[in-house]
């Protein structure tokens, strides 16, 4: 059972699934916690660096960080 978070755009499908991320919101493409992506971006890394670090395309990293901003 999982809950899709509608506030994120389709390019960055985010869910809460108790099987991944200990129930924290994760990106469905690779089960990376949204919080980890946002923390790295807020620490000063570029969106390109964040995307590369977590194996995302830049559009997904940007969408995640824009919602968190």
Protein backbone atom coordinates (compact mmCIF):
# COMPACT_ATOMS: atom_id res chain seq x y z
CA UNK A 1 0.00 0.00 0.00
CA UNK A 2 1.36 3.41 -0.94
CA UNK A 3 0.16 6.99 -1.02
CA UNK A 4 0.94 9.19 -4.02
CA UNK A 5 1.68 12.79 -3.06
CA UNK A 6 -0.22 15.00 -5.50
CA UNK A 7 1.68 18.22 -4.77
CA UNK A 8 4.63 16.94 -6.84
CA UNK A 9 4.43 17.16 -10.66
CA UNK A 10 4.14 14.04 -12.83
CA UNK A 11 7.81 14.29 -13.81
CA UNK A 12 8.74 13.64 -10.17
CA UNK A 13 6.33 11.03 -8.89
CA UNK A 14 6.64 10.93 -5.09
CA UNK A 15 5.00 8.38 -2.82
CA UNK A 16 4.91 7.34 0.80
CA UNK A 17 5.44 3.61 0.89
CA UNK A 18 6.25 1.86 4.16
CA UNK A 19 8.50 -0.57 2.27
CA UNK A 20 10.88 2.21 1.20
CA UNK A 21 12.41 5.14 3.07
CA UNK A 22 10.94 4.08 6.42
CA UNK A 23 7.64 5.71 5.47
CA UNK A 24 9.20 9.02 4.39
CA UNK A 25 8.32 10.44 0.93
CA UNK A 26 10.46 8.84 -1.79
CA UNK A 27 10.90 9.38 -5.51
CA UNK A 28 9.50 6.33 -7.29
CA UNK A 29 12.20 6.03 -9.94
CA UNK A 30 14.90 5.06 -7.43
CA UNK A 31 13.30 5.18 -3.95
CA UNK A 32 15.50 8.09 -2.81
CA UNK A 33 14.02 10.07 0.05
CA UNK A 34 12.85 13.52 -1.01
CA UNK A 35 14.48 14.99 2.09
CA UNK A 36 17.92 13.75 1.01
CA UNK A 37 17.62 15.49 -2.36
CA UNK A 38 16.42 18.74 -0.79
CA UNK A 39 19.13 18.73 1.90
CA UNK A 40 21.91 18.41 -0.66
CA UNK A 41 20.45 21.25 -2.74
CA UNK A 42 20.02 23.48 0.33
CA UNK A 43 23.63 22.76 1.28
CA UNK A 44 24.62 24.64 -1.87
CA UNK A 45 24.99 21.95 -4.53
CA UNK A 46 23.74 22.73 -8.01
CA UNK A 47 20.69 20.94 -9.39
CA UNK A 48 22.95 19.14 -11.85
CA UNK A 49 25.15 17.86 -9.01
CA UNK A 50 22.12 16.79 -6.98
CA UNK A 51 20.66 14.92 -9.95
CA UNK A 52 23.94 13.16 -10.62
CA UNK A 53 24.43 12.21 -6.96
CA UNK A 54 21.07 10.46 -6.75
CA UNK A 55 20.81 9.14 -10.32
CA UNK A 56 17.99 11.49 -11.29
CA UNK A 57 17.39 13.57 -14.36
CA UNK A 58 17.76 17.29 -13.74
CA UNK A 59 14.04 17.96 -14.29
CA UNK A 60 13.14 15.64 -11.42
CA UNK A 61 15.68 17.21 -9.05
CA UNK A 62 14.44 20.67 -10.00
CA UNK A 63 10.78 19.74 -9.47
CA UNK A 64 11.50 18.25 -6.05
CA UNK A 65 13.53 21.26 -4.92
CA UNK A 66 11.00 23.80 -6.24
CA UNK A 67 8.25 22.25 -4.14
CA UNK A 68 10.50 22.36 -1.07
CA UNK A 69 11.58 25.97 -1.61
